[in-house]
C-alpha atoms as a PDB file:
ATOM      1  CA  MET A   1      -4.966  35.006  -4.252  1.00  0.00           C
ATOM      2  CA  ARG A   2      -2.056  35.475  -6.805  1.00  0.00           C
ATOM      3  CA  LYS A   3       0.463  34.629  -4.766  1.00  0.00           C
ATOM      4  CA  LEU A   4      -1.337  31.282  -4.529  1.00  0.00           C
ATOM      5  CA  LEU A   5      -2.400  30.924  -8.108  1.00  0.00           C
ATOM      6  CA  ALA A   6       1.093  31.521  -8.964  1.00  0.00           C
ATOM      7  CA  PHE A   7       2.455  29.297  -6.412  1.00  0.00           C
ATOM      8  CA  LEU A   8       0.424  26.444  -8.001  1.00  0.00           C
ATOM      9  CA  LYS A   9       1.737  27.614 -11.534  1.00  0.00           C
ATOM     10  CA  TYR A  10       5.287  27.460 -10.337  1.00  0.00           C
ATOM     11  CA  TYR A  11       5.198  24.293  -8.233  1.00  0.00           C
ATOM     12  CA  TRP A  12       2.124  21.935  -9.416  1.00  0.00           C
ATOM     13  CA  PHE A  13       4.391  19.418 -10.298  1.00  0.00           C
ATOM     14  CA  GLY A  14       6.104  18.607  -7.296  1.00  0.00           C
ATOM     15  CA  LEU A  15       3.194  19.155  -5.218  1.00  0.00           C
ATOM     16  CA  LEU A  16       1.338  16.349  -7.549  1.00  0.00           C
ATOM     17  CA  MET A  17       4.586  14.000  -7.066  1.00  0.00           C
ATOM     18  CA  SER A  18       4.696  14.777  -3.806  1.00  0.00           C
ATOM     19  CA  PHE A  19       0.680  13.493  -3.559  1.00  0.00           C
ATOM     20  CA  ILE A  20       1.380  10.385  -5.129  1.00  0.00           C
ATOM     21  CA  LEU A  21       4.189   9.693  -3.155  1.00  0.00           C
ATOM     22  CA  LEU A  22       2.388  10.009   0.330  1.00  0.00           C
ATOM     23  CA  ALA A  23      -0.512   8.568  -0.946  1.00  0.00           C
ATOM     24  CA  GLY A  24       1.647   5.617  -2.187  1.00  0.00           C
ATOM     25  CA  PHE A  25       3.480   5.388   1.314  1.00  0.00           C
ATOM     26  CA  MET A  26       0.166   5.393   3.202  1.00  0.00           C
ATOM     27  CA  LEU A  27      -0.963   2.364   1.387  1.00  0.00           C
ATOM     28  CA  PHE A  28       2.334   0.480   2.365  1.00  0.00           C
ATOM     29  CA  LEU A  29       2.028   1.305   6.064  1.00  0.00           C
ATOM     30  CA  LEU A  30      -1.778   0.127   5.917  1.00  0.00           C
ATOM     31  CA  ILE A  31      -0.848  -2.886   4.351  1.00  0.00           C
ATOM     32  CA  LEU A  32       2.018  -3.179   6.593  1.00  0.00           C
ATOM     33  CA  VAL A  33       0.416  -2.919   9.869  1.00  0.00           C
ATOM     34  CA  SER A  34      -2.651  -5.339   8.654  1.00  0.00           C
ATOM     35  CA  PRO A  35      -3.117  -8.574   9.483  1.00  0.00           C
ATOM     36  CA  ARG A  36      -1.501 -11.386   7.547  1.00  0.00           C
ATOM     37  CA  TYR A  37      -3.111 -14.251   9.175  1.00  0.00           C
ATOM     38  CA  ASP A  38      -6.371 -14.956   9.553  1.00  0.00           C
ATOM     39  CA  ILE A  39      -9.317 -18.013   9.184  1.00  0.00           C
ATOM     40  CA  GLN A  40     -11.788 -15.867   7.376  1.00  0.00           C
ATOM     41  CA  LYS A  41      -9.484 -14.420   5.052  1.00  0.00           C
ATOM     42  CA  ARG A  42     -10.611 -11.432   5.184  1.00  0.00           C
ATOM     43  CA  GLY A  43      -8.754  -7.731   4.422  1.00  0.00           C
ATOM     44  CA  PHE A  44      -5.741  -8.339   2.151  1.00  0.00           C
ATOM     45  CA  ILE A  45      -5.115 -11.791   2.432  1.00  0.00           C
ATOM     46  CA  PRO A  46      -7.262 -12.300  -0.791  1.00  0.00           C
ATOM     47  CA  CYS A  47      -5.503  -9.545  -2.686  1.00  0.00           C
ATOM     48  CA  THR A  48      -1.898 -11.768  -1.390  1.00  0.00           C
ATOM     49  CA  GLU A  49      -2.408 -15.052  -1.725  1.00  0.00           C
ATOM     50  CA  THR A  50      -3.971 -13.832  -5.250  1.00  0.00           C
ATOM     51  CA  LEU A  51      -0.814 -12.138  -6.268  1.00  0.00           C
ATOM     52  CA  VAL A  52       1.371 -15.293  -4.974  1.00  0.00           C
ATOM     53  CA  GLN A  53      -0.286 -17.370  -7.196  1.00  0.00           C
ATOM     54  CA  ASN A  54       0.099 -14.771 -10.247  1.00  0.00           C
ATOM     55  CA  LEU A  55       3.788 -14.495 -10.041  1.00  0.00           C
ATOM     56  CA  GLN A  56       4.404 -18.513  -9.490  1.00  0.00           C
ATOM     57  CA  THR A  57       2.111 -18.895 -13.195  1.00  0.00           C
ATOM     58  CA  CYS A  58       4.795 -16.172 -14.575  1.00  0.00           C
ATOM     59  CA  PRO A  59       6.558 -17.738 -17.511  1.00  0.00           C
ATOM     60  CA  LYS A  60      10.358 -17.429 -17.357  1.00  0.00           C
ATOM     61  CA  ASP A  61      10.910 -15.728 -20.562  1.00  0.00           C
ATOM     62  CA  ASN A  62       8.996 -12.569 -19.374  1.00  0.00           C
ATOM     63  CA  LYS A  63       9.534 -12.590 -16.034  1.00  0.00           C
ATOM     64  CA  TYR A  64       9.970  -8.863 -15.262  1.00  0.00           C
ATOM     65  CA  SER A  65       6.766  -7.553 -17.244  1.00  0.00           C
ATOM     66  CA  CYS A  66       4.391 -10.315 -15.899  1.00  0.00           C
ATOM     67  CA  GLY A  67       5.429  -9.478 -12.331  1.00  0.00           C
ATOM     68  CA  ILE A  68       5.525  -6.000 -12.843  1.00  0.00           C
ATOM     69  CA  LYS A  69       1.942  -6.502 -14.472  1.00  0.00           C
ATOM     70  CA  HIS A  70       0.617  -8.654 -11.056  1.00  0.00           C
ATOM     71  CA  VAL A  71       1.929  -6.296  -8.762  1.00  0.00           C
ATOM     72  CA  LEU A  72       0.133  -2.663 -10.276  1.00  0.00           C
ATOM     73  CA  ALA A  73      -3.137  -4.994 -10.231  1.00  0.00           C
ATOM     74  CA  ASN A  74      -2.489  -6.387  -6.272  1.00  0.00           C
ATOM     75  CA  SER A  75      -2.081  -2.884  -5.735  1.00  0.00           C
ATOM     76  CA  TRP A  76      -5.372  -2.085  -7.458  1.00  0.00           C
ATOM     77  CA  CYS A  77      -6.807  -4.858  -5.359  1.00  0.00           C
ATOM     78  CA  ASN A  78      -5.527  -3.504  -2.238  1.00  0.00           C
ATOM     79  CA  ILE A  79      -7.042  -0.135  -2.701  1.00  0.00           C
ATOM     80  CA  LYS A  80     -10.616  -1.694  -3.585  1.00  0.00           C
ATOM     81  CA  VAL A  81     -10.050  -3.419  -0.326  1.00  0.00           C
ATOM     82  CA  ILE A  82      -9.876   0.376   1.347  1.00  0.00           C
ATOM     83  CA  GLY A  83     -12.722   1.570  -0.591  1.00  0.00           C
ATOM     84  CA  LYS A  84     -14.842  -0.822   0.460  1.00  0.00           C
ATOM     85  CA  GLY A  85     -14.044  -0.262   3.642  1.00  0.00           C
ATOM     86  CA  TRP A  86     -15.184   3.244   3.651  1.00  0.00           C
ATOM     87  CA  GLN A  87     -18.608   1.887   1.615  1.00  0.00           C
ATOM     88  CA  TYR A  88     -19.098  -0.467   4.530  1.00  0.00           C
ATOM     89  CA  TRP A  89     -18.460   2.606   6.795  1.00  0.00           C
ATOM     90  CA  TRP A  90     -20.947   4.867   5.104  1.00  0.00           C
ATOM     91  CA  GLN A  91     -23.617   2.156   4.815  1.00  0.00           C
ATOM     92  CA  GLY A  92     -23.434   1.673   8.444  1.00  0.00           C
ATOM     93  CA  LYS A  93     -22.183  -1.979   8.180  1.00  0.00           C
ATOM     94  CA  GLN A  94     -19.097  -1.347  10.035  1.00  0.00           C
ATOM     95  CA  ALA A  95     -17.792   0.590  13.359  1.00  0.00           C
ATOM     96  CA  THR A  96     -14.872   2.556  11.116  1.00  0.00           C
ATOM     97  CA  PRO A  97     -13.994   2.688   7.777  1.00  0.00           C
ATOM     98  CA  TRP A  98     -10.389   0.300   7.855  1.00  0.00           C
ATOM     99  CA  ALA A  99     -12.505  -1.780   9.830  1.00  0.00           C
ATOM    100  CA  ASN A 100     -12.559  -4.904   7.441  1.00  0.00           C
ATOM    101  CA  TYR A 101      -8.639  -4.398   6.872  1.00  0.00           C
ATOM    102  CA  ILE A 102      -7.438  -3.741  10.616  1.00  0.00           C
ATOM    103  CA  PHE A 103      -8.771  -6.220  13.110  1.00  0.00           C
ATOM    104  CA  GLU A 104      -7.756  -8.786  15.592  1.00  0.00           C
ATOM    105  CA  PRO A 105      -6.899 -12.001  13.392  1.00  0.00           C
ATOM    106  CA  GLU A 106      -8.728 -15.407  13.961  1.00  0.00           C
ATOM    107  CA  THR A 107      -6.342 -18.075  14.099  1.00  0.00           C
ATOM    108  CA  LEU A 108      -6.533 -21.737  14.776  1.00  0.00           C
ATOM    109  CA  LYS A 109      -6.853 -22.356  18.585  1.00  0.00           C
ATOM    110  CA  VAL A 110      -6.067 -26.523  20.165  1.00  0.00           C
ATOM    111  CA  ALA A 111      -9.925 -26.687  21.632  1.00  0.00           C
ATOM    112  CA  ASP A 112      -8.524 -29.376  24.339  1.00  0.00           C
ATOM    113  CA  GLU A 113      -4.408 -29.489  24.484  1.00  0.00           C
ATOM    114  CA  ASP A 114      -5.675 -32.106  27.480  1.00  0.00           C
ATOM    115  CA  ASP A 115      -6.823 -34.382  24.248  1.00  0.00           C
ATOM    116  CA  GLU A 116      -5.090 -37.543  23.904  1.00  0.00           C
ATOM    117  CA  PHE A 117      -4.333 -36.473  19.687  1.00  0.00           C
ATOM    118  CA  TYR A 118      -2.102 -33.652  21.502  1.00  0.00           C
ATOM    119  CA  ALA A 119      -0.835 -35.978  24.283  1.00  0.00           C
ATOM    120  CA  GLU A 120       0.797 -38.079  22.605  1.00  0.00           C
ATOM    121  CA  TYR A 121       2.874 -35.474  20.304  1.00  0.00           C
ATOM    122  CA  LYS A 122       3.958 -33.698  23.843  1.00  0.00           C
ATOM    123  CA  GLU A 123       5.308 -37.559  24.781  1.00  0.00           C
ATOM    124  CA  LYS A 124       7.334 -36.996  21.737  1.00  0.00           C
ATOM    125  CA  GLY A 125       8.157 -33.110  22.111  1.00  0.00           C
ATOM    126  CA  ILE A 126       6.581 -32.291  18.893  1.00  0.00           C
ATOM    127  CA  THR A 127       4.072 -30.066  17.939  1.00  0.00           C
ATOM    128  CA  PRO A 128       1.193 -30.209  15.351  1.00  0.00           C
ATOM    129  CA  GLU A 129       2.571 -26.583  14.094  1.00  0.00           C
ATOM    130  CA  LEU A 130       6.343 -27.821  13.312  1.00  0.00           C
ATOM    131  CA  ASP A 131       4.883 -31.219  12.014  1.00  0.00           C
ATOM    132  CA  MET A 132       2.804 -28.585   9.408  1.00  0.00           C
ATOM    133  CA  GLN A 133       5.811 -26.617   8.581  1.00  0.00           C
ATOM    134  CA  ASN A 134       8.148 -30.187   7.789  1.00  0.00           C
ATOM    135  CA  LEU A 135       4.920 -31.132   5.355  1.00  0.00           C
ATOM    136  CA  ILE A 136       4.554 -26.901   3.496  1.00  0.00           C
ATOM    137  CA  LYS A 137       8.774 -27.640   3.076  1.00  0.00           C
ATOM    138  CA  MET A 138       8.541 -31.055   1.686  1.00  0.00           C
ATOM    139  CA  SER A 139       5.310 -30.350  -0.405  1.00  0.00           C
ATOM    140  CA  ASP A 140       8.078 -27.360  -1.100  1.00  0.00           C
ATOM    141  CA  GLU A 141      10.605 -29.762  -2.443  1.00  0.00           C
ATOM    142  CA  LEU A 142       8.104 -32.028  -4.470  1.00  0.00           C
ATOM    143  CA  ASP A 143       7.022 -28.773  -6.191  1.00  0.00           C
ATOM    144  CA  LYS A 144      10.443 -27.988  -7.169  1.00  0.00           C
ATOM    145  CA  HIS A 145      11.143 -31.416  -8.518  1.00  0.00           C
ATOM    146  CA  ILE A 146       8.114 -31.885 -10.103  1.00  0.00           C
ATOM    147  CA  ALA A 147       9.031 -28.300 -11.903  1.00  0.00           C
ATOM    148  CA  THR A 148      12.884 -29.514 -12.969  1.00  0.00           C
ATOM    149  CA  ILE A 149      11.051 -32.599 -14.362  1.00  0.00           C
ATOM    150  CA  LYS A 150       8.771 -30.621 -16.594  1.00  0.00           C
ATOM    151  CA  GLU A 151      12.080 -28.467 -17.713  1.00  0.00           C
ATOM    152  CA  GLY A 152      13.475 -31.819 -19.398  1.00  0.00           C
ATOM    153  CA  LYS A 153      15.612 -32.795 -16.355  1.00  0.00           C
ATOM    154  CA  THR A 154      15.468 -36.235 -15.467  1.00  0.00           C
ATOM    155  CA  THR A 155      16.309 -38.046 -12.151  1.00  0.00           C
ATOM    156  CA  LYS A 156      19.420 -39.295 -13.671  1.00  0.00           C
ATOM    157  CA  GLU A 157      20.659 -35.757 -14.783  1.00  0.00           C
ATOM    158  CA  GLU A 158      19.922 -34.648 -11.402  1.00  0.00           C
ATOM    159  CA  LYS A 159      22.131 -36.851  -9.682  1.00  0.00           C
ATOM    160  CA  GLN A 160      25.113 -36.460 -11.819  1.00  0.00           C
ATOM    161  CA  ASP A 161      25.065 -33.166 -11.193  1.00  0.00           C
ATOM    162  CA  GLU A 162      24.601 -33.225  -7.661  1.00  0.00           C
ATOM    163  CA  GLN A 163      27.864 -35.310  -8.151  1.00  0.00           C
ATOM    164  CA  LYS A 164      29.359 -33.078 -10.227  1.00  0.00           C
ATOM    165  CA  LYS A 165      29.012 -30.305  -6.907  1.00  0.00           C
END
């Protein structure tokens, strides 16, 4: 018993730091293996979406402190998801403690690929998924353009900048 107490007396800080690092690594692994896309937005997906929205609203003058604050809040949200999993398992609402964040994701599936709507796309060699990706890219470009206008740049100044390049 004395050897154990002497060991703890000398190595308590190292043991504490090792435990904290192990817990952080385990959280990282759980988030890494969990699904990223789901129609029902289960698991860590709502936390991640909230993180992205909060990071986009960070002002430029203190973006680092704002970013760290939101990342820590996201970690706390992820810990709550894990805690709810254990709670639901204890109450008998799910089979395993990790069933609420490690699951088979539900994705959008085409009901009938032989439908006339999809036949037109197939003839042109275009898929609806690619069209959606193009729409997302155009939306991002539009958001960037609106952000530059809000910063005070006009379209004439942008054209002059492009001509200089």
